[in-house]
Protein backbone atom coordinates (compact mmCIF):
# COMPACT_ATOMS: atom_id res chain seq x y z
CA UNK A 1 22.69 -10.71 -7.77
CA UNK A 2 19.52 -9.20 -6.37
CA UNK A 3 20.80 -7.76 -3.10
CA UNK A 4 24.05 -5.77 -2.50
CA UNK A 5 25.88 -3.76 0.00
CA UNK A 6 25.83 -0.04 -0.17
CA UNK A 7 29.35 1.02 -1.10
CA UNK A 8 30.78 4.27 -0.15
CA UNK A 9 32.69 6.16 -2.87
CA UNK A 10 36.34 5.02 -2.90
CA UNK A 11 37.89 8.30 -1.62
CA UNK A 12 35.24 8.70 1.16
CA UNK A 13 35.74 4.96 2.12
CA UNK A 14 39.55 5.40 2.19
CA UNK A 15 39.34 8.39 4.32
CA UNK A 16 36.79 6.80 6.66
CA UNK A 17 38.91 3.64 7.04
CA UNK A 18 41.79 5.88 7.82
CA UNK A 19 39.90 7.53 10.52
CA UNK A 20 38.66 4.35 12.05
CA UNK A 21 42.23 2.91 11.89
CA UNK A 22 43.61 5.84 13.61
CA UNK A 23 40.91 5.91 16.15
CA UNK A 24 41.43 2.17 16.94
CA UNK A 25 45.19 2.70 17.26
CA UNK A 26 44.79 5.87 19.46
CA UNK A 27 46.66 9.10 19.07
CA UNK A 28 49.62 9.79 21.13
CA UNK A 29 49.13 8.74 24.69
CA UNK A 30 45.30 9.15 24.55
CA UNK A 31 43.25 6.00 24.77
CA UNK A 32 40.43 6.43 22.24
CA UNK A 33 37.21 4.39 22.56
CA UNK A 34 37.01 1.35 20.29
CA UNK A 35 34.95 1.86 17.12
CA UNK A 36 33.08 -0.95 15.44
CA UNK A 37 32.59 -1.33 11.70
CA UNK A 38 29.00 -2.37 12.36
CA UNK A 39 28.16 1.24 13.19
CA UNK A 40 27.66 3.74 10.32
CA UNK A 41 29.62 6.80 10.27
CA UNK A 42 29.52 10.22 8.36
CA UNK A 43 32.44 12.68 7.90
CA UNK A 44 31.41 16.27 8.12
CA UNK A 45 33.52 19.34 7.30
CA UNK A 46 32.17 22.22 9.46
CA UNK A 47 35.02 24.63 9.51
CA UNK A 48 36.74 26.08 12.49
CA UNK A 49 33.62 27.75 14.00
CA UNK A 50 30.95 25.28 15.10
CA UNK A 51 29.39 23.95 18.13
CA UNK A 52 29.26 20.22 18.99
CA UNK A 53 25.76 18.69 19.13
CA UNK A 54 24.24 18.74 22.67
CA UNK A 55 21.73 15.80 22.10
CA UNK A 56 22.19 12.37 20.74
CA UNK A 57 25.77 10.97 20.54
CA UNK A 58 28.14 12.54 22.90
CA UNK A 59 31.45 14.14 22.05
CA UNK A 60 34.49 15.17 24.22
CA UNK A 61 37.08 17.81 23.15
CA UNK A 62 39.97 15.55 23.82
CA UNK A 63 38.49 12.61 21.76
CA UNK A 64 40.00 13.35 18.37
CA UNK A 65 42.71 12.37 15.90
CA UNK A 66 44.92 14.59 13.61
CA UNK A 67 44.53 13.50 10.05
CA UNK A 68 47.09 14.49 7.29
CA UNK A 69 46.26 13.88 3.55
CA UNK A 70 48.78 13.01 0.87
CA UNK A 71 48.69 16.77 -0.06
CA UNK A 72 49.84 17.54 3.53
CA UNK A 73 46.36 19.02 4.44
CA UNK A 74 45.73 18.71 8.12
CA UNK A 75 42.45 18.25 10.00
CA UNK A 76 41.55 17.70 13.60
CA UNK A 77 38.72 15.11 13.63
CA UNK A 78 36.41 14.92 16.63
CA UNK A 79 35.14 11.33 17.10
CA UNK A 80 31.83 10.38 18.76
CA UNK A 81 31.46 8.34 21.96
CA UNK A 82 29.47 5.31 20.69
CA UNK A 83 26.37 4.53 22.89
CA UNK A 84 23.30 2.87 22.37
CA UNK A 85 21.15 5.85 23.72
CA UNK A 86 18.36 3.81 25.24
CA UNK A 87 19.97 2.39 28.38
CA UNK A 88 17.92 4.43 30.61
CA UNK A 89 14.53 3.41 29.13
CA UNK A 90 15.61 -0.30 29.35
CA UNK A 91 16.86 -0.02 32.86
CA UNK A 92 13.61 1.67 33.99
CA UNK A 93 11.23 -0.80 32.30
CA UNK A 94 9.01 -2.59 34.63
CA UNK A 95 6.44 -4.01 32.29
CA UNK A 96 5.69 -7.58 31.22
CA UNK A 97 8.50 -9.95 30.24
CA UNK A 98 8.73 -11.11 26.61
CA UNK A 99 7.40 -14.46 27.58
CA UNK A 100 4.17 -12.71 29.05
CA UNK A 101 3.88 -10.42 26.07
CA UNK A 102 3.84 -13.46 23.75
CA UNK A 103 1.36 -15.37 25.91
CA UNK A 104 -1.69 -14.32 23.94
CA UNK A 105 -0.23 -15.75 20.80
CA UNK A 106 0.31 -19.18 22.42
CA UNK A 107 -3.16 -19.19 24.15
CA UNK A 108 -4.92 -18.54 20.89
CA UNK A 109 -3.44 -21.64 19.34
CA UNK A 110 -3.05 -19.76 16.17
CA UNK A 111 -0.86 -20.76 13.22
CA UNK A 112 1.06 -18.77 10.58
CA UNK A 113 1.70 -19.87 7.05
CA UNK A 114 4.27 -19.25 4.42
CA UNK A 115 3.89 -20.51 0.89
CA UNK A 116 6.95 -21.10 -1.34
CA UNK A 117 7.01 -22.39 -4.87
CA UNK A 118 6.86 -25.98 -3.63
CA UNK A 119 6.70 -26.13 0.11
CA UNK A 120 4.22 -24.58 2.65
CA UNK A 121 5.39 -23.93 6.11
CA UNK A 122 3.05 -23.97 9.04
CA UNK A 123 4.00 -22.52 12.49
CA UNK A 124 1.38 -23.24 15.09
CA UNK A 125 2.71 -21.12 17.88
CA UNK A 126 3.69 -23.05 20.95
CA UNK A 127 2.85 -26.30 19.34
CA UNK A 128 4.67 -27.42 16.14
CA UNK A 129 6.38 -26.33 12.84
CA UNK A 130 5.37 -28.39 9.77
CA UNK A 131 6.68 -28.31 6.25
CA UNK A 132 4.30 -29.86 3.76
CA UNK A 133 3.30 -30.19 -0.01
CA UNK A 134 -0.10 -31.18 -1.15
CA UNK A 135 -0.89 -32.71 -4.54
CA UNK A 136 -4.54 -33.08 -5.48
CA UNK A 137 -6.07 -34.12 -8.77
CA UNK A 138 -9.72 -34.30 -9.77
CA UNK A 139 -11.34 -37.46 -8.41
CA UNK A 140 -8.12 -38.56 -6.69
CA UNK A 141 -6.98 -38.74 -2.99
CA UNK A 142 -5.02 -35.87 -1.60
CA UNK A 143 -1.35 -36.79 -1.33
CA UNK A 144 0.55 -34.93 1.43
CA UNK A 145 4.28 -35.01 1.81
CA UNK A 146 5.18 -33.56 5.28
CA UNK A 147 7.83 -33.18 7.74
CA UNK A 148 7.59 -31.70 11.33
CA UNK A 149 10.58 -29.45 11.82
CA UNK A 150 9.92 -29.18 15.58
CA UNK A 151 7.36 -29.76 18.38
CA UNK A 152 7.13 -28.18 21.76
CA UNK A 153 8.53 -30.34 24.45
CA UNK A 154 5.87 -29.14 26.93
CA UNK A 155 2.18 -28.27 26.34
CA UNK A 156 2.72 -24.52 26.58
CA UNK A 157 6.04 -22.77 26.78
CA UNK A 158 4.62 -20.24 29.09
CA UNK A 159 2.66 -22.41 31.34
CA UNK A 160 5.01 -23.14 34.29
CA UNK A 161 3.97 -20.73 37.04
CA UNK A 162 6.56 -21.92 39.56
CA UNK A 163 9.44 -20.85 37.31
CA UNK A 164 7.82 -17.65 35.98
CA UNK A 165 9.31 -15.31 38.64
CA UNK A 166 12.74 -16.69 38.33
CA UNK A 167 12.61 -16.72 34.60
CA UNK A 168 11.59 -13.11 34.56
CA UNK A 169 14.49 -12.18 36.78
CA UNK A 170 16.79 -13.99 34.46
CA UNK A 171 15.35 -12.32 31.31
CA UNK A 172 15.87 -8.90 32.90
CA UNK A 173 19.55 -9.44 33.52
CA UNK A 174 20.55 -11.67 30.64
CA UNK A 175 21.94 -10.55 27.24
CA UNK A 176 19.26 -10.21 24.65
CA UNK A 177 20.27 -12.36 21.64
CA UNK A 178 20.28 -10.55 18.23
CA UNK A 179 20.48 -11.72 14.55
CA UNK A 180 22.32 -9.76 11.87
CA UNK A 181 19.60 -8.93 9.39
CA UNK A 182 20.80 -6.88 6.40
CA UNK A 183 23.55 -5.40 8.53
CA UNK A 184 21.23 -4.46 11.41
CA UNK A 185 21.59 -6.48 14.68
CA UNK A 186 17.99 -7.22 15.40
CA UNK A 187 17.00 -8.44 18.83
CA UNK A 188 14.76 -11.49 19.08
CA UNK A 189 13.07 -13.83 21.58
CA UNK A 190 13.87 -17.59 21.01
CA UNK A 191 11.67 -20.48 21.46
CA UNK A 192 13.18 -23.83 20.89
CA UNK A 193 11.32 -26.74 19.31
CA UNK A 194 12.54 -30.29 19.15
CA UNK A 195 11.49 -33.91 18.59
CA UNK A 196 10.51 -33.26 15.01
CA UNK A 197 10.37 -35.87 12.15
CA UNK A 198 13.58 -38.16 12.21
CA UNK A 199 16.32 -37.05 9.82
CA UNK A 200 17.72 -39.87 7.76
CA UNK A 201 20.85 -37.79 7.12
CA UNK A 202 21.70 -37.60 10.78
CA UNK A 203 21.20 -41.22 11.97
CA UNK A 204 17.39 -40.65 12.37
CA UNK A 205 17.93 -37.83 15.00
CA UNK A 206 14.76 -35.83 15.29
CA UNK A 207 14.55 -32.42 13.38
CA UNK A 208 14.68 -29.30 15.57
CA UNK A 209 14.03 -25.59 15.05
CA UNK A 210 14.73 -22.19 16.78
CA UNK A 211 11.79 -19.90 16.45
CA UNK A 212 12.90 -16.25 16.55
CA UNK A 213 10.15 -13.75 17.52
CA UNK A 214 11.04 -10.24 16.20
CA UNK A 215 9.25 -6.97 16.97
CA UNK A 216 7.35 -5.54 13.91
CA UNK A 217 4.78 -2.89 14.75
CA UNK A 218 2.59 -3.56 11.75
CA UNK A 219 2.96 -7.41 11.55
CA UNK A 220 0.35 -10.07 12.05
CA UNK A 221 2.71 -12.87 13.25
CA UNK A 222 3.87 -13.52 9.61
CA UNK A 223 6.69 -16.14 8.90
CA UNK A 224 9.46 -13.91 7.52
CA UNK A 225 11.85 -16.68 6.66
CA UNK A 226 12.65 -20.34 7.16
CA UNK A 227 16.36 -21.44 6.97
CA UNK A 228 18.02 -24.76 7.34
CA UNK A 229 21.15 -23.62 9.10
CA UNK A 230 22.73 -27.04 9.42
CA UNK A 231 21.26 -30.51 8.41
CA UNK A 232 17.75 -30.78 9.67
CA UNK A 233 18.17 -27.86 12.05
CA UNK A 234 16.18 -24.84 11.21
CA UNK A 235 15.78 -21.16 12.15
CA UNK A 236 12.31 -19.55 11.65
CA UNK A 237 11.81 -15.73 11.92
CA UNK A 238 8.32 -14.56 12.96
CA UNK A 239 7.34 -10.90 12.79
CA UNK A 240 5.06 -9.91 15.68
CA UNK A 241 3.81 -6.66 17.19
CA UNK A 242 3.51 -8.15 20.68
CA UNK A 243 7.13 -7.60 21.57
CA UNK A 244 7.31 -3.95 20.56
CA UNK A 245 6.11 -2.67 23.88
CA UNK A 246 9.30 -4.02 25.40
CA UNK A 247 12.25 -1.49 24.82
CA UNK A 248 14.86 -4.17 24.51
CA UNK A 249 13.04 -5.78 21.62
CA UNK A 250 12.18 -2.79 19.55
CA UNK A 251 13.85 -2.53 16.12
CA UNK A 252 16.22 0.44 16.09
CA UNK A 253 17.71 1.72 12.95
CA UNK A 254 21.49 2.20 13.56
CA UNK A 255 22.02 5.98 14.00
CA UNK A 256 24.65 7.49 11.71
CA UNK A 257 27.51 8.89 13.94
CA UNK A 258 28.97 12.17 12.83
CA UNK A 259 32.66 12.68 12.74
CA UNK A 260 33.61 16.35 12.60
CA UNK A 261 36.83 17.27 10.79
CA UNK A 262 38.02 20.85 11.25
CA UNK A 263 40.68 22.30 8.90
CA UNK A 264 43.91 23.39 10.68
CA UNK A 265 45.66 26.66 9.64
CA UNK A 266 46.97 26.50 5.95
CA UNK A 267 44.47 23.74 4.97
CA UNK A 268 41.26 24.05 2.88
CA UNK A 269 37.90 23.50 4.37
CA UNK A 270 37.69 20.17 2.76
CA UNK A 271 40.54 17.97 1.17
CA UNK A 272 41.07 19.24 -2.45
CA UNK A 273 41.05 15.72 -3.99
CA UNK A 274 37.80 14.71 -2.16
CA UNK A 275 36.07 17.89 -3.28
CA UNK A 276 37.17 17.17 -6.93
CA UNK A 277 35.96 13.51 -6.63
CA UNK A 278 32.62 14.57 -5.34
CA UNK A 279 32.04 16.96 -8.32
CA UNK A 280 32.89 14.25 -10.68
CA UNK A 281 30.53 11.78 -9.02
CA UNK A 282 27.71 14.28 -9.08
CA UNK A 283 28.22 14.67 -12.85
CA UNK A 284 28.28 10.84 -13.29
CA UNK A 285 25.46 10.07 -10.92
CA UNK A 286 22.65 8.11 -12.65
CA UNK A 287 20.62 4.96 -11.94
CA UNK A 288 21.08 1.60 -13.92
CA UNK A 289 17.98 2.64 -15.81
CA UNK A 290 15.82 5.66 -15.51
CA UNK A 291 12.15 4.83 -14.95
CA UNK A 292 9.58 7.30 -16.60
CA UNK A 293 7.49 9.13 -14.13
CA UNK A 294 4.31 8.01 -15.70
CA UNK A 295 5.32 4.41 -14.93
CA UNK A 296 5.70 5.04 -11.25
CA UNK A 297 2.57 4.27 -9.19
CA UNK A 298 3.37 4.81 -5.49
CA UNK A 299 1.51 2.80 -2.85
CA UNK A 300 1.63 2.91 0.95
CA UNK A 301 4.94 1.46 1.85
CA UNK A 302 5.91 -0.25 5.12
CA UNK A 303 7.31 2.19 7.67
CA UNK A 304 9.34 -0.54 9.15
CA UNK A 305 12.57 -0.52 7.14
CA UNK A 306 14.14 -3.53 8.56
CA UNK A 307 14.64 -6.58 6.74
CA UNK A 308 16.14 -9.00 5.31
CA UNK A 309 19.31 -10.50 3.96
CA UNK A 310 19.05 -13.50 1.83
CA UNK A 311 18.51 -16.75 3.67
CA UNK A 312 18.41 -20.13 2.29
CA UNK A 313 15.25 -22.26 2.17
CA UNK A 314 16.16 -25.68 0.89
CA UNK A 315 17.66 -24.88 -2.59
CA UNK A 316 15.89 -21.66 -2.93
CA UNK A 317 17.09 -18.19 -1.80
CA UNK A 318 14.46 -16.15 -0.09
CA UNK A 319 15.11 -12.43 -0.58
CA UNK A 320 12.46 -10.29 0.96
CA UNK A 321 8.74 -10.30 1.87
CA UNK A 322 6.41 -7.43 2.66
CA UNK A 323 2.82 -6.84 3.14
CA UNK A 324 1.39 -3.42 2.16
CA UNK A 325 -2.15 -2.09 1.67
CA UNK A 326 -3.03 -0.96 -1.84
CA UNK A 327 -5.31 1.99 -2.61
CA UNK A 328 -8.85 1.51 -1.52
CA UNK A 329 -10.33 2.06 -5.02
CA UNK A 330 -13.58 0.30 -5.74
CA UNK A 331 -13.03 -3.37 -6.50
CA UNK A 332 -14.14 -3.11 -10.20
CA UNK A 333 -11.99 0.00 -10.77
CA UNK A 334 -8.98 -1.59 -9.08
CA UNK A 335 -9.25 -4.78 -11.16
CA UNK A 336 -9.52 -2.95 -14.39
CA UNK A 337 -6.56 -0.66 -13.55
CA UNK A 338 -4.40 -3.59 -12.30
CA UNK A 339 -5.11 -5.78 -15.45
CA UNK A 340 -4.32 -2.76 -17.70
CA UNK A 341 -0.98 -2.56 -16.04
CA UNK A 342 -1.79 1.20 -14.97
CA UNK A 343 -1.98 0.20 -11.23
CA UNK A 344 1.22 -1.57 -9.98
CA UNK A 345 1.80 -3.61 -6.82
CA UNK A 346 4.83 -2.81 -4.61
CA UNK A 347 6.53 -4.82 -1.96
CA UNK A 348 9.64 -5.59 -0.18
CA UNK A 349 11.03 -4.25 3.31
CA UNK A 350 14.76 -4.35 2.83
CA UNK A 351 17.34 -2.46 0.59
CA UNK A 352 15.52 -3.53 -2.56
CA UNK A 353 11.81 -2.97 -3.13
CA UNK A 354 9.69 -4.56 -5.95
CA UNK A 355 7.26 -3.19 -8.48
CA UNK A 356 5.02 -5.48 -10.41
CA UNK A 357 2.89 -3.99 -13.20
CA UNK A 358 0.62 -6.65 -14.77
CA UNK A 359 1.41 -7.26 -18.48
CA UNK A 360 4.31 -4.78 -18.38
CA UNK A 361 7.33 -5.47 -16.04
CA UNK A 362 8.82 -6.51 -12.85
CA UNK A 363 11.31 -4.04 -11.39
CA UNK A 364 13.48 -4.00 -8.25
CA UNK A 365 14.51 -0.61 -7.13
CA UNK A 366 16.11 1.38 -4.42
CA UNK A 367 15.50 5.01 -3.53
CA UNK A 368 18.15 7.17 -1.87
CA UNK A 369 17.88 10.83 -0.97
CA UNK A 370 21.49 11.47 -2.27
CA UNK A 371 21.77 9.28 -5.30
CA UNK A 372 18.13 9.00 -6.42
CA UNK A 373 16.44 6.02 -7.75
CA UNK A 374 18.35 2.90 -8.86
CA UNK A 375 16.14 0.52 -10.90
CA UNK A 376 16.83 -2.95 -12.29
CA UNK A 377 14.53 -4.60 -14.78
CA UNK A 378 13.97 -8.18 -13.59
CA UNK A 379 11.57 -9.13 -16.44
CA UNK A 380 9.37 -7.62 -19.18
CA UNK A 381 6.17 -9.06 -20.50
CA UNK A 382 5.91 -10.56 -24.02
CA UNK A 383 2.65 -12.46 -24.77
CA UNK A 384 4.25 -14.67 -27.36
CA UNK A 385 7.16 -15.60 -25.06
CA UNK A 386 4.77 -16.45 -22.22
CA UNK A 387 2.47 -18.46 -24.46
CA UNK A 388 5.48 -20.57 -25.49
CA UNK A 389 6.63 -20.83 -21.96
CA UNK A 390 3.07 -21.98 -20.81
CA UNK A 391 3.08 -24.86 -23.26
CA UNK A 392 6.01 -26.34 -21.26
CA UNK A 393 5.02 -25.29 -17.78
CA UNK A 394 1.71 -25.23 -15.89
CA UNK A 395 0.14 -21.94 -16.17
CA UNK A 396 -2.81 -22.76 -13.83
CA UNK A 397 -3.04 -24.64 -10.56
CA UNK A 398 -6.41 -25.82 -9.31
CA UNK A 399 -8.07 -26.20 -5.99
CA UNK A 400 -10.66 -29.06 -5.49
CA UNK A 401 -13.81 -27.87 -3.68
CA UNK A 402 -15.83 -30.17 -1.32
CA UNK A 403 -18.50 -30.59 -3.93
CA UNK A 404 -15.95 -31.94 -6.25
CA UNK A 405 -15.68 -28.79 -8.56
CA UNK A 406 -12.48 -27.18 -9.12
CA UNK A 407 -11.45 -23.58 -9.03
CA UNK A 408 -8.19 -21.95 -10.10
CA UNK A 409 -5.97 -21.40 -7.19
CA UNK A 410 -2.86 -19.68 -8.80
CA UNK A 411 -1.72 -18.61 -12.12
CA UNK A 412 1.91 -18.34 -13.26
CA UNK A 413 3.16 -15.89 -15.94
CA UNK A 414 6.64 -15.61 -17.53
CA UNK A 415 8.44 -12.27 -17.78
CA UNK A 416 11.79 -12.33 -19.57
CA UNK A 417 14.22 -10.09 -21.24
CA UNK A 418 15.30 -8.24 -18.11
CA UNK A 419 18.59 -6.48 -17.55
CA UNK A 420 21.67 -8.58 -18.29
CA UNK A 421 22.97 -10.49 -15.33
CA UNK A 422 26.59 -10.11 -14.51
CA UNK A 423 26.92 -13.61 -13.33
CA UNK A 424 25.40 -15.31 -16.29
CA UNK A 425 25.78 -12.82 -19.10
CA UNK A 426 22.06 -13.49 -19.88
CA UNK A 427 18.94 -11.32 -19.45
CA UNK A 428 17.22 -11.75 -16.08
CA UNK A 429 13.81 -13.45 -16.04
CA UNK A 430 11.08 -14.02 -13.47
CA UNK A 431 8.07 -16.23 -13.09
CA UNK A 432 5.23 -14.24 -11.45
CA UNK A 433 2.86 -16.47 -9.38
CA UNK A 434 -0.48 -14.74 -8.69
CA UNK A 435 -2.21 -16.41 -5.82
CA UNK A 436 -5.50 -15.89 -4.04
CA UNK A 437 -5.09 -15.15 -0.43
CA UNK A 438 -7.92 -14.21 1.91
CA UNK A 439 -7.25 -11.47 4.41
CA UNK A 440 -8.99 -9.34 7.10
CA UNK A 441 -8.14 -6.45 4.79
CA UNK A 442 -9.65 -6.73 1.21
CA UNK A 443 -6.88 -4.48 -0.05
CA UNK A 444 -3.79 -6.11 1.48
CA UNK A 445 -1.08 -7.40 -0.99
CA UNK A 446 1.96 -9.57 -0.03
CA UNK A 447 4.91 -9.58 -2.33
CA UNK A 448 7.85 -11.93 -2.03
CA UNK A 449 10.87 -12.85 -4.21
CA UNK A 450 12.98 -15.95 -4.51
CA UNK A 451 15.93 -16.68 -6.55
CA UNK A 452 16.18 -20.45 -7.16
CA UNK A 453 18.93 -19.91 -9.72
CA UNK A 454 21.21 -16.97 -10.33
CA UNK A 455 19.18 -14.19 -11.98
CA UNK A 456 16.22 -16.41 -12.48
CA UNK A 457 13.50 -15.37 -10.01
CA UNK A 458 10.05 -16.21 -8.74
CA UNK A 459 7.81 -13.34 -7.64
CA UNK A 460 4.92 -14.25 -5.29
CA UNK A 461 2.01 -11.86 -5.30
CA UNK A 462 -0.74 -12.77 -2.97
CA UNK A 463 -4.00 -10.59 -2.39
CA UNK A 464 -7.69 -10.87 -1.90
CA UNK A 465 -8.01 -8.78 -5.09
CA UNK A 466 -6.47 -11.71 -7.08
CA UNK A 467 -9.23 -14.02 -5.71
CA UNK A 468 -11.77 -12.19 -7.63
CA UNK A 469 -10.13 -12.79 -11.10
CA UNK A 470 -8.39 -16.09 -11.06
CA UNK A 471 -11.42 -17.96 -12.41
CA UNK A 472 -11.14 -15.86 -15.54
CA UNK A 473 -7.79 -17.53 -16.38
CA UNK A 474 -7.57 -19.00 -19.89
CA UNK A 475 -5.63 -21.95 -20.86
CA UNK A 476 -2.40 -19.79 -20.80
CA UNK A 477 -3.18 -18.35 -17.43
CA UNK A 478 -4.07 -15.03 -18.73
CA UNK A 479 -6.70 -12.99 -16.76
CA UNK A 480 -9.52 -10.75 -17.74
CA UNK A 481 -12.05 -8.41 -16.15
CA UNK A 482 -14.87 -10.58 -14.70
CA UNK A 483 -18.16 -10.15 -16.53
């Protein structure tokens, strides 16, 4: 499995569950505020002499529970009063509505694209959503297989001035919808699209989609995910910076709420068993596989640590996608370092990040301040294995130009012999698809990961840098420095 929840150590987890259960049940005659398991907590052991925080989450002296361990150690645990912390800013907001903030996107008649291993998804904002696949061969007609997943029922979803004032009033008072994205309830603005291509599996009812616009301060209206939630009904998540000026639509990392447990007379500062367990864990702490420092080549990572839990796209599982900007080396130097494997591409915006070093390996990893770096080998390079694979699979995909000539559009490389998968008892393996993607930034790189079968992956790497080297591909798809 690629993803995974972060698990607290057993003793800590048991202790925290006990605290939450006690809080939910109340203590004596006191009615304690309800705590949600969606909100992260951290237990602190400050001793008898300490001052409660005066900023952030609020505390009250009578909002506590008495906890007793199996060793009869007793602690008075002060619980936080859970609040969002941003009510005042949201209440005082007098700026444009989310509909008005998105208006430039619809007026531009712009489209966003997402390329998967077979399908391409096209979202023309305020117009339609299209899923299509093109097949073109030299000297033959282009064959297009396409489905419209939804069309706007009116010309422009923001174009009715008579309803604008009443809609704005409704939007200021109604509950903002949110979507659980990797454990974070993320607010979004929905746009419904219907009247798509008839669906044969539903008595020819038209396909329909819900487009969810999510704030992302560094995005360029990318399609983050497309999911078929029920037969011929879809959810499309779009990342856009336009909503970020509205306080109700900004992404907020859930704050960690501190629980302060003070030892009562006759009890140690921290439970003895917990202290022993923490010492053992500190000694045993190590990642799945240590990565040598010289193999690590850092890049500018996304500051937005949002997203995203696996969602289904047809039979594929879309894991994460992220766009970063690689170092602005000279093109020649960058290409040489990339093809030598000394300059690696990084991507991903969720719990797992991805590192691709050409001709070396594909890693997924997570870095944590407390536990360090956890690294899993998804695949390693072996030229002989790739050559054998390329005899059975297309290593090059071509694009036909208007003058009839053809140019390489994408190359595919096989990386096998990764870490053994718990589900299959076989080594992980990944097909890396290097694709030319033009961009306003010549040094942008987009990395996304699919898992069509358990522990068999597709890593998409798209960048303007790749455009400069694709035509050097040999019959096995191997690249070289342009002459």
